[in-house]
Structures are given as structure tokens and as C-alpha cells.
N, C-alpha and C. Protein backbone atom coordinates (compact mmCIF):
# COMPACT_ATOMS: atom_id res chain seq x y z
N MET A 1 109.07 126.95 95.70
CA MET A 1 107.87 126.22 95.36
C MET A 1 107.80 124.89 96.01
N SER A 2 106.68 124.54 96.47
CA SER A 2 106.43 123.24 97.12
C SER A 2 105.36 122.42 96.43
N ASN A 3 105.44 121.17 96.38
CA ASN A 3 104.44 120.33 95.73
C ASN A 3 103.80 119.43 96.81
N ALA A 4 102.54 119.11 96.62
CA ALA A 4 101.81 118.15 97.47
C ALA A 4 101.00 117.21 96.63
N GLU A 5 100.95 115.95 97.02
CA GLU A 5 100.11 115.00 96.34
C GLU A 5 99.08 114.49 97.26
N THR A 6 97.94 113.99 96.71
CA THR A 6 96.84 113.57 97.48
C THR A 6 96.71 112.06 97.43
N LEU A 7 96.14 111.46 98.48
CA LEU A 7 95.87 110.06 98.59
C LEU A 7 94.36 109.75 98.52
N LEU A 8 94.04 108.64 97.97
CA LEU A 8 92.62 108.28 97.97
C LEU A 8 92.46 107.23 99.01
N LEU A 9 91.25 107.32 99.70
CA LEU A 9 90.88 106.38 100.70
C LEU A 9 89.85 105.38 100.25
N LEU A 10 89.62 104.35 101.00
CA LEU A 10 88.55 103.38 100.57
C LEU A 10 87.30 104.08 100.61
N ALA A 11 87.02 105.05 101.52
CA ALA A 11 85.78 105.85 101.57
C ALA A 11 85.54 106.60 100.21
N ASP A 12 86.61 107.06 99.65
CA ASP A 12 86.50 107.78 98.34
C ASP A 12 85.96 106.84 97.27
N HIS A 13 86.53 105.64 97.26
CA HIS A 13 86.08 104.66 96.26
C HIS A 13 84.63 104.31 96.54
N GLN A 14 84.31 104.04 97.74
CA GLN A 14 82.90 103.61 98.10
C GLN A 14 81.90 104.73 97.77
N ALA A 15 82.23 105.96 97.99
CA ALA A 15 81.32 107.11 97.65
C ALA A 15 81.13 107.17 96.12
N ALA A 16 82.23 107.05 95.40
CA ALA A 16 82.16 107.17 93.95
C ALA A 16 81.33 105.99 93.39
N LEU A 17 81.50 104.82 93.94
CA LEU A 17 80.77 103.66 93.53
C LEU A 17 79.27 103.76 93.80
N ALA A 18 78.97 104.26 94.97
CA ALA A 18 77.52 104.51 95.39
C ALA A 18 76.88 105.46 94.44
N LYS A 19 77.51 106.56 94.13
CA LYS A 19 77.03 107.53 93.16
C LYS A 19 76.81 106.91 91.79
N ALA A 20 77.80 106.15 91.35
CA ALA A 20 77.73 105.53 89.99
C ALA A 20 76.56 104.51 89.96
N ARG A 21 76.24 103.93 91.04
CA ARG A 21 75.18 102.92 91.05
C ARG A 21 73.82 103.57 90.65
N THR A 22 73.63 104.85 90.89
CA THR A 22 72.40 105.54 90.60
C THR A 22 72.29 105.96 89.15
N ILE A 23 73.32 105.79 88.33
CA ILE A 23 73.29 106.15 86.90
C ILE A 23 72.17 105.35 86.20
N GLY A 24 71.31 106.08 85.53
CA GLY A 24 70.24 105.40 84.73
C GLY A 24 69.08 104.86 85.51
N GLN A 25 69.07 105.10 86.82
CA GLN A 25 67.97 104.58 87.61
C GLN A 25 66.70 105.37 87.29
N ALA A 26 65.64 104.72 87.07
CA ALA A 26 64.35 105.36 86.85
C ALA A 26 63.78 105.70 88.20
N PRO A 27 63.08 106.88 88.34
CA PRO A 27 62.48 107.20 89.60
C PRO A 27 61.30 106.28 89.84
N LEU A 28 61.08 105.93 91.10
CA LEU A 28 59.88 105.06 91.39
C LEU A 28 58.59 105.82 91.20
N PRO A 29 57.58 105.18 90.66
CA PRO A 29 56.31 105.78 90.49
C PRO A 29 55.61 105.93 91.89
N LEU A 30 54.89 107.02 91.99
CA LEU A 30 54.19 107.28 93.32
C LEU A 30 52.74 106.87 93.23
N GLN A 31 52.49 105.66 92.68
CA GLN A 31 51.09 105.21 92.49
C GLN A 31 50.89 103.89 93.20
N GLY A 32 49.71 103.50 93.43
CA GLY A 32 49.35 102.21 94.02
C GLY A 32 50.05 101.96 95.33
N LEU A 33 50.57 100.75 95.52
CA LEU A 33 51.27 100.40 96.74
C LEU A 33 52.73 100.90 96.71
N ASN A 34 53.13 101.52 95.64
CA ASN A 34 54.47 102.03 95.54
C ASN A 34 55.55 100.96 95.76
N ALA A 35 55.20 99.74 95.46
CA ALA A 35 56.16 98.66 95.56
C ALA A 35 56.93 98.60 94.22
N PRO A 36 58.17 98.85 94.27
CA PRO A 36 59.00 98.90 93.10
C PRO A 36 59.11 97.49 92.37
N ILE A 37 58.76 97.53 91.14
CA ILE A 37 58.95 96.35 90.29
C ILE A 37 60.12 96.68 89.37
N ALA A 38 61.23 96.07 89.66
CA ALA A 38 62.43 96.41 88.84
C ALA A 38 62.24 95.83 87.41
N ASN A 39 62.66 96.61 86.48
CA ASN A 39 62.62 96.12 85.13
C ASN A 39 63.85 95.24 84.91
N GLU A 40 63.86 94.55 83.81
CA GLU A 40 64.99 93.57 83.63
C GLU A 40 66.34 94.29 83.49
N ILE A 41 66.40 95.44 82.99
CA ILE A 41 67.72 96.22 82.83
C ILE A 41 68.18 96.50 84.26
N ASP A 42 67.32 97.01 85.10
CA ASP A 42 67.71 97.27 86.48
C ASP A 42 68.22 96.05 87.20
N LYS A 43 67.52 94.91 87.00
CA LYS A 43 67.89 93.65 87.70
C LYS A 43 69.29 93.23 87.26
N TRP A 44 69.55 93.26 86.00
CA TRP A 44 70.85 92.83 85.47
C TRP A 44 71.92 93.85 85.89
N PHE A 45 71.58 95.12 85.84
CA PHE A 45 72.57 96.12 86.23
C PHE A 45 72.97 95.95 87.69
N ARG A 46 72.01 95.73 88.57
CA ARG A 46 72.35 95.56 90.01
C ARG A 46 73.26 94.31 90.17
N ARG A 47 72.93 93.21 89.48
CA ARG A 47 73.81 92.03 89.60
C ARG A 47 75.20 92.30 89.19
N ILE A 48 75.34 93.01 88.07
CA ILE A 48 76.65 93.31 87.47
C ILE A 48 77.33 94.36 88.40
N TRP A 49 76.65 95.35 88.82
CA TRP A 49 77.30 96.46 89.57
C TRP A 49 77.71 96.02 91.00
N ASP A 50 76.95 95.08 91.60
CA ASP A 50 77.30 94.55 92.91
C ASP A 50 78.75 93.92 92.81
N ASN A 51 78.93 93.22 91.75
CA ASN A 51 80.28 92.57 91.54
C ASN A 51 81.36 93.61 91.20
N ILE A 52 81.04 94.61 90.46
CA ILE A 52 82.00 95.64 90.11
C ILE A 52 82.39 96.37 91.39
N GLU A 53 81.47 96.73 92.23
CA GLU A 53 81.81 97.34 93.46
C GLU A 53 82.72 96.52 94.30
N GLN A 54 82.49 95.18 94.37
CA GLN A 54 83.32 94.35 95.17
C GLN A 54 84.67 94.25 94.48
N LEU A 55 84.68 94.21 93.19
CA LEU A 55 85.95 94.16 92.40
C LEU A 55 86.87 95.33 92.72
N VAL A 56 86.34 96.53 92.75
CA VAL A 56 87.04 97.75 93.14
C VAL A 56 87.55 97.69 94.53
N ILE A 57 86.72 97.27 95.46
CA ILE A 57 87.09 97.22 96.88
C ILE A 57 88.19 96.17 97.10
N GLU A 58 88.00 95.01 96.54
CA GLU A 58 89.00 94.01 96.70
C GLU A 58 90.36 94.38 96.11
N THR A 59 90.28 95.07 94.96
CA THR A 59 91.50 95.53 94.32
C THR A 59 92.18 96.61 95.17
N PHE A 60 91.34 97.45 95.74
CA PHE A 60 91.97 98.56 96.56
C PHE A 60 92.65 97.96 97.83
N LYS A 61 92.01 96.88 98.35
CA LYS A 61 92.61 96.23 99.49
C LYS A 61 93.85 95.35 99.19
N GLY A 62 94.15 95.20 97.94
CA GLY A 62 95.25 94.40 97.51
C GLY A 62 95.01 92.95 97.12
N ALA A 63 93.70 92.62 97.09
CA ALA A 63 93.32 91.24 96.75
C ALA A 63 92.98 91.08 95.24
N ARG A 64 94.05 91.36 94.45
CA ARG A 64 93.91 91.36 92.97
C ARG A 64 93.37 90.07 92.48
N GLU A 65 93.80 88.96 92.99
CA GLU A 65 93.35 87.61 92.47
C GLU A 65 91.79 87.51 92.75
N ARG A 66 91.38 87.87 93.91
CA ARG A 66 89.90 87.81 94.23
C ARG A 66 89.14 88.75 93.26
N ALA A 67 89.70 89.96 92.96
CA ALA A 67 89.09 90.84 92.05
C ALA A 67 89.03 90.32 90.64
N GLU A 68 90.02 89.52 90.27
CA GLU A 68 89.96 88.93 88.91
C GLU A 68 88.87 87.84 88.84
N VAL A 69 88.68 87.14 89.96
CA VAL A 69 87.54 86.20 89.98
C VAL A 69 86.24 86.93 89.88
N LEU A 70 86.09 88.03 90.56
CA LEU A 70 84.93 88.89 90.48
C LEU A 70 84.71 89.37 89.02
N ARG A 71 85.74 89.78 88.39
CA ARG A 71 85.65 90.18 86.97
C ARG A 71 85.14 89.10 86.10
N ASP A 72 85.61 87.87 86.32
CA ASP A 72 85.11 86.75 85.58
C ASP A 72 83.68 86.48 85.82
N GLU A 73 83.25 86.66 87.13
CA GLU A 73 81.84 86.45 87.48
C GLU A 73 80.95 87.51 86.76
N VAL A 74 81.51 88.78 86.64
CA VAL A 74 80.77 89.73 85.89
C VAL A 74 80.55 89.32 84.47
N MET A 75 81.55 88.76 83.85
CA MET A 75 81.49 88.32 82.48
C MET A 75 80.47 87.17 82.31
N VAL A 76 80.36 86.30 83.29
CA VAL A 76 79.38 85.21 83.26
C VAL A 76 77.92 85.85 83.35
N ILE A 77 77.79 86.74 84.27
CA ILE A 77 76.51 87.43 84.39
C ILE A 77 76.14 88.22 83.14
N TRP A 78 77.18 88.84 82.55
CA TRP A 78 77.00 89.57 81.27
C TRP A 78 76.50 88.64 80.18
N SER A 79 77.08 87.49 80.10
CA SER A 79 76.73 86.55 79.05
C SER A 79 75.23 86.07 79.27
N GLN A 80 74.90 85.87 80.51
CA GLN A 80 73.47 85.52 80.83
C GLN A 80 72.56 86.61 80.44
N ALA A 81 72.92 87.89 80.77
CA ALA A 81 72.13 89.02 80.46
C ALA A 81 71.98 89.18 78.91
N GLN A 82 73.04 88.89 78.15
CA GLN A 82 72.95 88.99 76.72
C GLN A 82 71.90 88.03 76.14
N GLN A 83 71.86 86.81 76.75
CA GLN A 83 70.93 85.78 76.25
C GLN A 83 69.52 86.23 76.64
N GLU A 84 69.26 86.76 77.83
CA GLU A 84 67.93 87.06 78.33
C GLU A 84 67.37 88.35 77.66
N LEU A 85 68.32 89.36 77.58
CA LEU A 85 67.81 90.68 77.16
C LEU A 85 67.76 90.80 75.60
N ALA A 86 68.53 90.00 74.92
CA ALA A 86 68.59 90.05 73.43
C ALA A 86 68.74 91.45 72.95
N GLY A 87 67.71 92.02 72.34
CA GLY A 87 67.82 93.36 71.74
C GLY A 87 68.05 94.51 72.70
N ARG A 88 67.83 94.28 74.00
CA ARG A 88 67.99 95.39 74.95
C ARG A 88 69.37 95.39 75.68
N VAL A 89 70.23 94.45 75.22
CA VAL A 89 71.55 94.32 75.88
C VAL A 89 72.37 95.62 75.78
N GLU A 90 72.22 96.28 74.67
CA GLU A 90 72.95 97.56 74.43
C GLU A 90 72.57 98.60 75.40
N GLU A 91 71.33 98.62 75.82
CA GLU A 91 70.90 99.48 76.91
C GLU A 91 71.60 99.23 78.21
N LEU A 92 71.74 97.94 78.56
CA LEU A 92 72.46 97.57 79.74
C LEU A 92 73.96 97.87 79.72
N ARG A 93 74.61 97.62 78.50
CA ARG A 93 76.00 97.87 78.34
C ARG A 93 76.24 99.39 78.48
N THR A 94 75.39 100.18 77.88
CA THR A 94 75.50 101.65 78.00
C THR A 94 75.39 102.07 79.48
N ARG A 95 74.46 101.52 80.21
CA ARG A 95 74.32 101.88 81.64
C ARG A 95 75.51 101.47 82.42
N VAL A 96 76.04 100.31 82.22
CA VAL A 96 77.20 99.85 82.99
C VAL A 96 78.44 100.72 82.64
N MET A 97 78.62 101.02 81.34
CA MET A 97 79.75 101.87 80.97
C MET A 97 79.64 103.26 81.51
N ASN A 98 78.43 103.85 81.47
CA ASN A 98 78.17 105.15 82.05
C ASN A 98 78.42 105.17 83.58
N ALA A 99 78.08 104.11 84.24
CA ALA A 99 78.38 103.93 85.68
C ALA A 99 79.87 103.84 85.94
N ILE A 100 80.64 103.13 85.15
CA ILE A 100 82.10 103.02 85.27
C ILE A 100 82.69 104.43 85.10
N ASP A 101 82.16 105.19 84.05
CA ASP A 101 82.68 106.51 83.78
C ASP A 101 82.35 107.44 84.98
N SER A 102 81.19 107.31 85.57
CA SER A 102 80.83 108.13 86.69
C SER A 102 81.68 107.78 87.90
N TYR A 103 82.02 106.58 88.10
CA TYR A 103 82.87 106.17 89.18
C TYR A 103 84.27 106.81 88.98
N LEU A 104 84.82 106.74 87.81
CA LEU A 104 86.11 107.34 87.53
C LEU A 104 86.10 108.85 87.70
N ARG A 105 85.05 109.51 87.26
CA ARG A 105 84.96 110.98 87.46
C ARG A 105 84.86 111.29 88.98
N GLY A 106 84.10 110.46 89.70
CA GLY A 106 83.96 110.67 91.14
C GLY A 106 85.31 110.53 91.87
N ILE A 107 86.14 109.60 91.43
CA ILE A 107 87.44 109.38 92.08
C ILE A 107 88.32 110.64 91.81
N VAL A 108 88.32 111.09 90.56
CA VAL A 108 89.07 112.31 90.28
C VAL A 108 88.56 113.52 91.08
N GLU A 109 87.27 113.68 91.21
CA GLU A 109 86.73 114.80 92.03
C GLU A 109 87.06 114.65 93.45
N SER A 110 87.09 113.39 94.00
CA SER A 110 87.50 113.19 95.40
C SER A 110 88.98 113.59 95.63
N ALA A 111 89.79 113.22 94.68
CA ALA A 111 91.21 113.60 94.83
C ALA A 111 91.37 115.11 94.73
N LEU A 112 90.72 115.77 93.81
CA LEU A 112 90.78 117.22 93.71
C LEU A 112 90.21 117.95 94.91
N ALA A 113 89.19 117.35 95.56
CA ALA A 113 88.58 117.99 96.79
C ALA A 113 89.63 117.96 97.99
N ARG A 114 90.57 117.09 97.93
CA ARG A 114 91.55 117.03 99.02
C ARG A 114 92.64 118.08 98.93
N ILE A 115 92.70 118.75 97.79
CA ILE A 115 93.78 119.75 97.57
C ILE A 115 93.30 121.06 98.28
N THR A 116 94.15 121.63 99.07
CA THR A 116 93.87 122.90 99.71
C THR A 116 94.47 124.11 98.97
N ALA A 117 93.80 125.21 99.11
CA ALA A 117 94.22 126.38 98.37
C ALA A 117 95.48 127.04 98.95
N THR A 118 95.76 126.84 100.24
CA THR A 118 96.94 127.36 100.88
C THR A 118 97.57 126.32 101.85
N VAL A 119 98.83 126.37 102.00
CA VAL A 119 99.52 125.57 102.99
C VAL A 119 100.40 126.46 103.80
N VAL A 120 100.68 126.16 105.05
CA VAL A 120 101.59 126.95 105.82
C VAL A 120 102.84 126.06 106.10
N VAL A 121 104.00 126.56 105.72
CA VAL A 121 105.20 125.86 105.85
C VAL A 121 106.21 126.76 106.61
N GLY A 122 106.60 126.31 107.79
CA GLY A 122 107.54 127.11 108.61
C GLY A 122 107.02 128.52 108.87
N GLY A 123 105.71 128.71 109.04
CA GLY A 123 105.16 130.00 109.32
C GLY A 123 104.80 130.81 108.09
N ALA A 124 105.29 130.36 106.91
CA ALA A 124 105.03 131.10 105.65
C ALA A 124 103.80 130.47 104.99
N THR A 125 102.89 131.35 104.59
CA THR A 125 101.72 130.80 103.87
C THR A 125 101.99 130.75 102.33
N LEU A 126 101.86 129.62 101.77
CA LEU A 126 102.04 129.47 100.36
C LEU A 126 100.65 129.22 99.70
N VAL A 127 100.44 129.78 98.55
CA VAL A 127 99.23 129.63 97.83
C VAL A 127 99.34 128.73 96.63
N MET A 128 98.23 128.04 96.31
CA MET A 128 98.32 127.09 95.23
C MET A 128 98.53 127.87 93.89
N THR A 129 99.50 127.44 93.12
CA THR A 129 99.77 128.08 91.86
C THR A 129 99.27 127.25 90.70
N SER A 130 99.21 125.89 90.87
CA SER A 130 98.69 125.08 89.81
C SER A 130 98.32 123.70 90.33
N VAL A 131 97.48 122.99 89.59
CA VAL A 131 97.05 121.67 89.95
C VAL A 131 97.25 120.82 88.71
N SER A 132 97.78 119.58 88.85
CA SER A 132 98.06 118.69 87.72
C SER A 132 97.34 117.38 88.13
N VAL A 133 96.55 116.91 87.15
CA VAL A 133 95.88 115.61 87.29
C VAL A 133 96.38 114.67 86.13
N GLN A 134 96.95 113.53 86.59
CA GLN A 134 97.39 112.56 85.67
C GLN A 134 96.79 111.20 86.01
N HIS A 135 96.18 110.59 85.02
CA HIS A 135 95.63 109.23 85.25
C HIS A 135 95.68 108.47 84.02
N SER A 136 95.68 107.16 84.20
CA SER A 136 95.76 106.24 83.09
C SER A 136 94.68 105.16 83.34
N VAL A 137 93.80 105.05 82.44
CA VAL A 137 92.79 103.95 82.57
C VAL A 137 92.38 103.60 81.14
N LYS A 138 92.38 102.34 80.86
CA LYS A 138 91.94 101.84 79.58
C LYS A 138 90.45 101.46 79.56
N VAL A 139 89.65 102.26 78.92
CA VAL A 139 88.19 101.92 78.85
C VAL A 139 87.85 101.89 77.39
N SER A 140 87.10 100.84 77.03
CA SER A 140 86.69 100.74 75.67
C SER A 140 85.19 100.33 75.66
N THR A 141 84.68 100.03 74.53
CA THR A 141 83.32 99.57 74.41
C THR A 141 83.14 98.12 74.90
N SER A 142 84.26 97.39 75.05
CA SER A 142 84.22 96.07 75.53
C SER A 142 84.20 96.07 77.08
N LEU A 143 83.22 95.40 77.62
CA LEU A 143 83.09 95.33 79.10
C LEU A 143 84.29 94.76 79.70
N LYS A 144 84.75 93.66 79.16
CA LYS A 144 85.90 92.96 79.75
C LYS A 144 87.17 93.89 79.75
N THR A 145 87.40 94.62 78.64
CA THR A 145 88.51 95.48 78.57
C THR A 145 88.36 96.66 79.57
N ALA A 146 87.11 97.15 79.75
CA ALA A 146 86.88 98.21 80.72
C ALA A 146 87.09 97.73 82.09
N LEU A 147 86.76 96.48 82.41
CA LEU A 147 86.90 95.96 83.72
C LEU A 147 88.41 95.72 83.96
N ASP A 148 89.15 95.23 83.01
CA ASP A 148 90.59 95.05 83.16
C ASP A 148 91.26 96.44 83.41
N GLY A 149 90.80 97.47 82.73
CA GLY A 149 91.31 98.80 82.87
C GLY A 149 91.00 99.33 84.29
N LEU A 150 89.83 99.01 84.77
CA LEU A 150 89.48 99.39 86.12
C LEU A 150 90.32 98.74 87.13
N LEU A 151 90.51 97.42 86.95
CA LEU A 151 91.45 96.71 87.87
C LEU A 151 92.80 97.32 87.95
N THR A 152 93.35 97.62 86.79
CA THR A 152 94.74 98.17 86.72
C THR A 152 94.69 99.58 87.33
N PHE A 153 93.69 100.41 87.05
CA PHE A 153 93.58 101.74 87.59
C PHE A 153 93.63 101.71 89.08
N VAL A 154 92.83 100.86 89.72
CA VAL A 154 92.75 100.85 91.17
C VAL A 154 93.98 100.15 91.76
N ALA A 155 94.41 99.06 91.18
CA ALA A 155 95.54 98.32 91.74
C ALA A 155 96.85 99.12 91.68
N GLU A 156 97.05 99.84 90.68
CA GLU A 156 98.30 100.56 90.47
C GLU A 156 98.26 101.99 90.94
N GLY A 157 97.09 102.46 91.41
CA GLY A 157 96.98 103.82 91.86
C GLY A 157 97.27 104.78 90.77
N SER A 158 96.66 104.51 89.56
CA SER A 158 96.99 105.21 88.36
C SER A 158 96.34 106.61 88.29
N LEU A 159 96.29 107.24 89.41
CA LEU A 159 95.80 108.64 89.48
C LEU A 159 96.71 109.44 90.37
N ALA A 160 97.19 110.53 89.83
CA ALA A 160 98.06 111.40 90.64
C ALA A 160 97.50 112.83 90.43
N VAL A 161 97.26 113.46 91.60
CA VAL A 161 96.83 114.84 91.56
C VAL A 161 97.90 115.59 92.40
N THR A 162 98.60 116.53 91.72
CA THR A 162 99.65 117.24 92.31
C THR A 162 99.38 118.72 92.31
N ALA A 163 99.55 119.29 93.47
CA ALA A 163 99.33 120.79 93.56
C ALA A 163 100.68 121.47 93.81
N SER A 164 100.96 122.52 93.12
CA SER A 164 102.13 123.36 93.36
C SER A 164 101.78 124.60 94.10
N TYR A 165 102.61 124.95 95.01
CA TYR A 165 102.38 126.10 95.87
C TYR A 165 103.63 127.01 95.84
N GLY A 166 103.32 128.34 95.94
CA GLY A 166 104.42 129.29 95.99
C GLY A 166 103.91 130.52 96.76
N LYS A 167 104.77 131.49 96.86
CA LYS A 167 104.41 132.71 97.50
C LYS A 167 103.52 133.49 96.66
N GLY A 168 102.42 134.01 97.25
CA GLY A 168 101.31 134.74 96.50
C GLY A 168 101.85 135.98 95.97
């Protein structure tokens, strides 16, 4: 039996982040000049998500201190959003948390997509017999806790996808 692990690339993170950015986006109306007028939730989401994307990329590149500054900037923006949105802040929080969840699912899917069904070792073809996914990320209803969990997840490579191969 042989085991293989997969690596995640910056492109995997960027693709998962881009997909997560679309969570909760309302389709543009096809009327009038078709000039999009972003609602307040969209505006605040974009401001927050821009920083979260940079936070993930900086963390992936090893710039943890810069990522922590970005996390703090997200929290300042979050505080401003809470004041401006008042009763609608829960809608924004839900959208941000759903986007973080989408990003994490996208990363797991990227890692799984790298696993091949067969490998050839020394001329012998081995078939996949099992796949194991292990990850650790602390996500809660608190945005700061979720961001700290995201930082740790990316910085420590807290995702392992292992495939086992054997003779068919």
C-alpha cells in the first residue's frame, strides 16, 4: 500500500475566494440603463471581503503579521457596518460567514480534485483504496473568532488529504 498527500497552491485559495465572493449576490436587474446600484449590504460585504481575501493571501505567503493587521481592519469595518446597518447587520454577518464557509469548502474540493484514481509505481498500477480528509478550523458566530480560525487554518496548513493506493 502506498499513500499520497496533496498540496494546495495560491491559485486554489484565489479560486475558492473568488467563488465565495459571489455568495448572496443579487442578480443585476435588466432594466433601464442597467447601472448597478449596490445596496448597503453589498457595499459593506465587498469592503469586508476585499480584506478577507488579502488576509488569506498574505497568510498563505507567510506574512502572518500583515494578515493580522488586515484582520484588525476587517473588525474596524465591521464596527462601522454595525453602526450604519443597525437592524440589517445580521444579514451582513450571515453573508460573510456563508462566504467563509464557501471558501473552506472550496479549498477542500480543490485538494480532493488533485487526488488521482490510479498511480503507477515501478511499472505497477495501483488503484485508490481510500481517501482521508483531515482539517481543523475554528469557526463560530463571532466574526473575529472566525477570522482567527481562518488565519490559523491557512498559516498552519490545517488541511490534509491523504489517498491510499493498493493493487486492485
